[in-house]
Amino acid sequence: MSERPEDPQQPGTPPGMTNEDVERRSQLARFLEPGSFPCSRDELIDVATAHQAPDVVLAELRRLPDGEYANVQEIARALGLGTEAHRT
């Protein structure tokens, strides 16, 4: 059996993202409501807390810089996660 270096880009993963990026963004989105946007970091924390988000999600949101976020994609970018590379 040959060993291959681990490729963070797996089939089915959007270009520009690793499996970990996809999982972390999904975890964040699970506890945020689309109707909550746009909102500030503190409002995001309040929404996630109301939805009983685990400590790991709340810790991620607390790392966000002050500002207003329009969607989960903007949150992911602000946290340094990979995001989809859209074609132009």
N, C-alpha and C. Protein backbone atom coordinates (compact mmCIF):
# COMPACT_ATOMS: atom_id res chain seq x y z
N MET A 1 0.84 -1.16 0.00
CA MET A 1 0.00 0.00 0.00
C MET A 1 0.89 1.24 0.00
N SER A 2 0.69 2.15 -0.96
CA SER A 2 1.52 3.35 -1.04
C SER A 2 0.95 4.44 -0.16
N GLU A 3 1.85 5.26 0.38
CA GLU A 3 1.42 6.38 1.21
C GLU A 3 1.48 7.65 0.39
N ARG A 4 0.40 8.42 0.49
CA ARG A 4 0.35 9.72 -0.19
C ARG A 4 0.32 10.81 0.86
N PRO A 5 0.95 11.95 0.56
CA PRO A 5 0.81 13.06 1.51
C PRO A 5 -0.66 13.45 1.57
N GLU A 6 -1.09 13.84 2.74
CA GLU A 6 -2.49 14.21 2.89
C GLU A 6 -2.79 15.46 2.08
N ASP A 7 -3.83 15.41 1.29
CA ASP A 7 -4.25 16.53 0.48
C ASP A 7 -5.42 17.20 1.18
N PRO A 8 -5.26 18.48 1.64
CA PRO A 8 -6.36 19.13 2.34
C PRO A 8 -7.55 19.40 1.41
N GLN A 9 -7.33 19.40 0.12
CA GLN A 9 -8.40 19.62 -0.86
C GLN A 9 -8.91 18.25 -1.30
N GLN A 10 -10.05 17.86 -0.79
CA GLN A 10 -10.63 16.57 -1.11
C GLN A 10 -11.69 16.73 -2.19
N PRO A 11 -12.00 15.68 -2.92
CA PRO A 11 -13.08 15.76 -3.91
C PRO A 11 -14.37 16.22 -3.24
N GLY A 12 -15.07 17.11 -3.90
CA GLY A 12 -16.32 17.63 -3.36
C GLY A 12 -16.13 18.85 -2.48
N THR A 13 -14.90 19.21 -2.19
CA THR A 13 -14.60 20.41 -1.41
C THR A 13 -14.47 21.57 -2.39
N PRO A 14 -15.15 22.70 -2.10
CA PRO A 14 -15.06 23.84 -3.02
C PRO A 14 -13.61 24.30 -3.19
N PRO A 15 -13.24 24.73 -4.40
CA PRO A 15 -11.89 25.26 -4.61
C PRO A 15 -11.63 26.42 -3.65
N GLY A 16 -10.45 26.44 -3.05
CA GLY A 16 -10.10 27.49 -2.11
C GLY A 16 -10.37 27.13 -0.66
N MET A 17 -10.95 25.94 -0.43
CA MET A 17 -11.29 25.52 0.93
C MET A 17 -10.73 24.13 1.21
N THR A 18 -10.40 23.90 2.47
CA THR A 18 -10.02 22.56 2.90
C THR A 18 -11.25 21.92 3.56
N ASN A 19 -11.16 20.63 3.82
CA ASN A 19 -12.25 19.97 4.56
C ASN A 19 -12.47 20.61 5.91
N GLU A 20 -11.38 21.01 6.57
CA GLU A 20 -11.50 21.66 7.88
C GLU A 20 -12.22 23.00 7.76
N ASP A 21 -11.91 23.77 6.71
CA ASP A 21 -12.61 25.05 6.48
C ASP A 21 -14.11 24.82 6.33
N VAL A 22 -14.46 23.82 5.54
CA VAL A 22 -15.88 23.51 5.29
C VAL A 22 -16.56 23.14 6.60
N GLU A 23 -15.91 22.29 7.39
CA GLU A 23 -16.50 21.84 8.66
C GLU A 23 -16.66 23.00 9.64
N ARG A 24 -15.63 23.84 9.76
CA ARG A 24 -15.71 24.96 10.70
C ARG A 24 -16.78 25.96 10.28
N ARG A 25 -16.87 26.26 8.98
CA ARG A 25 -17.90 27.19 8.51
C ARG A 25 -19.28 26.60 8.72
N SER A 26 -19.43 25.33 8.46
CA SER A 26 -20.72 24.66 8.68
C SER A 26 -21.12 24.71 10.15
N GLN A 27 -20.15 24.48 11.02
CA GLN A 27 -20.41 24.53 12.46
C GLN A 27 -20.89 25.92 12.87
N LEU A 28 -20.26 26.95 12.34
CA LEU A 28 -20.70 28.33 12.65
C LEU A 28 -22.11 28.57 12.14
N ALA A 29 -22.36 28.20 10.90
CA ALA A 29 -23.66 28.47 10.27
C ALA A 29 -24.80 27.75 10.98
N ARG A 30 -24.51 26.61 11.55
CA ARG A 30 -25.52 25.80 12.22
C ARG A 30 -26.22 26.56 13.35
N PHE A 31 -25.52 27.53 13.95
CA PHE A 31 -26.06 28.22 15.11
C PHE A 31 -26.40 29.69 14.84
N LEU A 32 -26.40 30.07 13.56
CA LEU A 32 -26.75 31.45 13.18
C LEU A 32 -27.96 31.42 12.26
N GLU A 33 -28.81 32.41 12.37
CA GLU A 33 -30.00 32.49 11.52
C GLU A 33 -29.72 33.40 10.33
N PRO A 34 -30.08 32.98 9.12
CA PRO A 34 -29.89 33.85 7.96
C PRO A 34 -30.57 35.21 8.14
N GLY A 35 -31.71 35.24 8.81
CA GLY A 35 -32.42 36.49 9.03
C GLY A 35 -31.74 37.43 10.02
N SER A 36 -30.68 36.95 10.66
CA SER A 36 -29.96 37.77 11.65
C SER A 36 -29.00 38.76 10.98
N PHE A 37 -28.68 38.53 9.74
CA PHE A 37 -27.70 39.36 9.04
C PHE A 37 -28.36 40.56 8.40
N PRO A 38 -27.65 41.67 8.27
CA PRO A 38 -26.29 41.93 8.78
C PRO A 38 -26.34 42.14 10.29
N CYS A 39 -25.22 41.81 10.95
CA CYS A 39 -25.14 42.02 12.39
C CYS A 39 -23.68 42.12 12.84
N SER A 40 -23.52 42.61 14.05
CA SER A 40 -22.19 42.80 14.63
C SER A 40 -21.71 41.52 15.28
N ARG A 41 -20.45 41.53 15.67
CA ARG A 41 -19.87 40.39 16.38
C ARG A 41 -20.68 40.06 17.63
N ASP A 42 -21.01 41.09 18.42
CA ASP A 42 -21.74 40.84 19.67
C ASP A 42 -23.14 40.29 19.39
N GLU A 43 -23.78 40.76 18.33
CA GLU A 43 -25.10 40.23 17.97
C GLU A 43 -24.98 38.77 17.52
N LEU A 44 -23.91 38.44 16.79
CA LEU A 44 -23.68 37.05 16.38
C LEU A 44 -23.52 36.16 17.60
N ILE A 45 -22.77 36.63 18.57
CA ILE A 45 -22.57 35.85 19.80
C ILE A 45 -23.90 35.65 20.52
N ASP A 46 -24.73 36.70 20.57
CA ASP A 46 -26.05 36.58 21.21
C ASP A 46 -26.93 35.56 20.50
N VAL A 47 -26.95 35.60 19.16
CA VAL A 47 -27.77 34.65 18.38
C VAL A 47 -27.28 33.23 18.61
N ALA A 48 -25.96 33.04 18.53
CA ALA A 48 -25.40 31.70 18.71
C ALA A 48 -25.66 31.18 20.13
N THR A 49 -25.57 32.06 21.10
CA THR A 49 -25.84 31.67 22.49
C THR A 49 -27.30 31.26 22.64
N ALA A 50 -28.21 32.01 22.03
CA ALA A 50 -29.64 31.69 22.09
C ALA A 50 -29.94 30.34 21.45
N HIS A 51 -29.10 29.93 20.48
CA HIS A 51 -29.28 28.64 19.82
C HIS A 51 -28.41 27.55 20.44
N GLN A 52 -27.93 27.83 21.65
CA GLN A 52 -27.15 26.87 22.42
C GLN A 52 -25.91 26.36 21.70
N ALA A 53 -25.19 27.29 21.08
CA ALA A 53 -23.95 26.94 20.40
C ALA A 53 -22.93 26.45 21.41
N PRO A 54 -22.12 25.48 21.00
CA PRO A 54 -21.07 24.98 21.90
C PRO A 54 -19.97 26.04 22.10
N ASP A 55 -19.18 25.84 23.13
CA ASP A 55 -18.12 26.79 23.46
C ASP A 55 -17.16 27.03 22.30
N VAL A 56 -16.88 26.01 21.51
CA VAL A 56 -15.94 26.16 20.40
C VAL A 56 -16.47 27.18 19.37
N VAL A 57 -17.77 27.18 19.13
CA VAL A 57 -18.37 28.13 18.19
C VAL A 57 -18.33 29.53 18.79
N LEU A 58 -18.70 29.65 20.05
CA LEU A 58 -18.68 30.97 20.70
C LEU A 58 -17.26 31.54 20.75
N ALA A 59 -16.27 30.68 20.96
CA ALA A 59 -14.87 31.14 20.97
C ALA A 59 -14.47 31.67 19.60
N GLU A 60 -14.90 31.00 18.54
CA GLU A 60 -14.60 31.47 17.18
C GLU A 60 -15.22 32.85 16.95
N LEU A 61 -16.48 33.01 17.34
CA LEU A 61 -17.16 34.29 17.15
C LEU A 61 -16.51 35.40 17.97
N ARG A 62 -16.03 35.09 19.14
CA ARG A 62 -15.36 36.10 19.98
C ARG A 62 -14.04 36.57 19.37
N ARG A 63 -13.45 35.75 18.50
CA ARG A 63 -12.19 36.13 17.82
C ARG A 63 -12.42 37.12 16.69
N LEU A 64 -13.67 37.31 16.28
CA LEU A 64 -13.96 38.20 15.16
C LEU A 64 -13.58 39.65 15.49
N PRO A 65 -13.05 40.36 14.51
CA PRO A 65 -12.83 41.80 14.70
C PRO A 65 -14.18 42.52 14.80
N ASP A 66 -14.19 43.65 15.48
CA ASP A 66 -15.41 44.46 15.51
C ASP A 66 -15.81 44.79 14.09
N GLY A 67 -17.08 44.89 13.87
CA GLY A 67 -17.58 45.22 12.54
C GLY A 67 -18.92 44.57 12.31
N GLU A 68 -19.44 44.79 11.13
CA GLU A 68 -20.73 44.21 10.77
C GLU A 68 -20.49 43.13 9.71
N TYR A 69 -21.21 42.04 9.83
CA TYR A 69 -21.05 40.91 8.94
C TYR A 69 -22.35 40.65 8.20
N ALA A 70 -22.26 40.48 6.88
CA ALA A 70 -23.43 40.31 6.03
C ALA A 70 -23.86 38.85 5.90
N ASN A 71 -22.92 37.91 6.14
CA ASN A 71 -23.24 36.49 5.97
C ASN A 71 -22.12 35.63 6.56
N VAL A 72 -22.32 34.33 6.54
CA VAL A 72 -21.34 33.40 7.11
C VAL A 72 -20.03 33.43 6.32
N GLN A 73 -20.10 33.69 5.04
CA GLN A 73 -18.90 33.78 4.20
C GLN A 73 -17.97 34.89 4.73
N GLU A 74 -18.54 36.04 5.07
CA GLU A 74 -17.73 37.14 5.61
C GLU A 74 -17.13 36.76 6.96
N ILE A 75 -17.87 36.04 7.76
CA ILE A 75 -17.36 35.58 9.06
C ILE A 75 -16.18 34.64 8.82
N ALA A 76 -16.33 33.71 7.90
CA ALA A 76 -15.26 32.75 7.60
C ALA A 76 -14.00 33.48 7.15
N ARG A 77 -14.15 34.45 6.26
CA ARG A 77 -12.99 35.22 5.78
C ARG A 77 -12.31 35.93 6.95
N ALA A 78 -13.11 36.56 7.82
CA ALA A 78 -12.55 37.31 8.95
C ALA A 78 -11.81 36.39 9.92
N LEU A 79 -12.20 35.13 9.98
CA LEU A 79 -11.53 34.15 10.84
C LEU A 79 -10.35 33.48 10.17
N GLY A 80 -10.09 33.84 8.91
CA GLY A 80 -8.95 33.27 8.19
C GLY A 80 -9.22 31.91 7.58
N LEU A 81 -10.49 31.53 7.49
CA LEU A 81 -10.84 30.25 6.84
C LEU A 81 -10.78 30.44 5.33
N GLY A 82 -10.51 29.37 4.63
CA GLY A 82 -10.58 29.41 3.18
C GLY A 82 -12.03 29.61 2.78
N THR A 83 -12.24 30.27 1.67
CA THR A 83 -13.58 30.46 1.14
C THR A 83 -13.58 30.08 -0.32
N GLU A 84 -14.76 29.83 -0.86
CA GLU A 84 -14.86 29.41 -2.25
C GLU A 84 -14.21 30.43 -3.17
N ALA A 85 -13.49 29.92 -4.13
CA ALA A 85 -12.92 30.77 -5.18
C ALA A 85 -13.92 30.80 -6.32
N HIS A 86 -14.60 31.91 -6.46
CA HIS A 86 -15.61 32.02 -7.52
C HIS A 86 -14.94 32.40 -8.83
N ARG A 87 -15.47 31.82 -9.89
CA ARG A 87 -14.95 32.15 -11.22
C ARG A 87 -15.57 33.45 -11.68
N THR A 88 -14.79 34.22 -12.44
CA THR A 88 -15.32 35.47 -12.98
C THR A 88 -15.48 35.39 -14.46
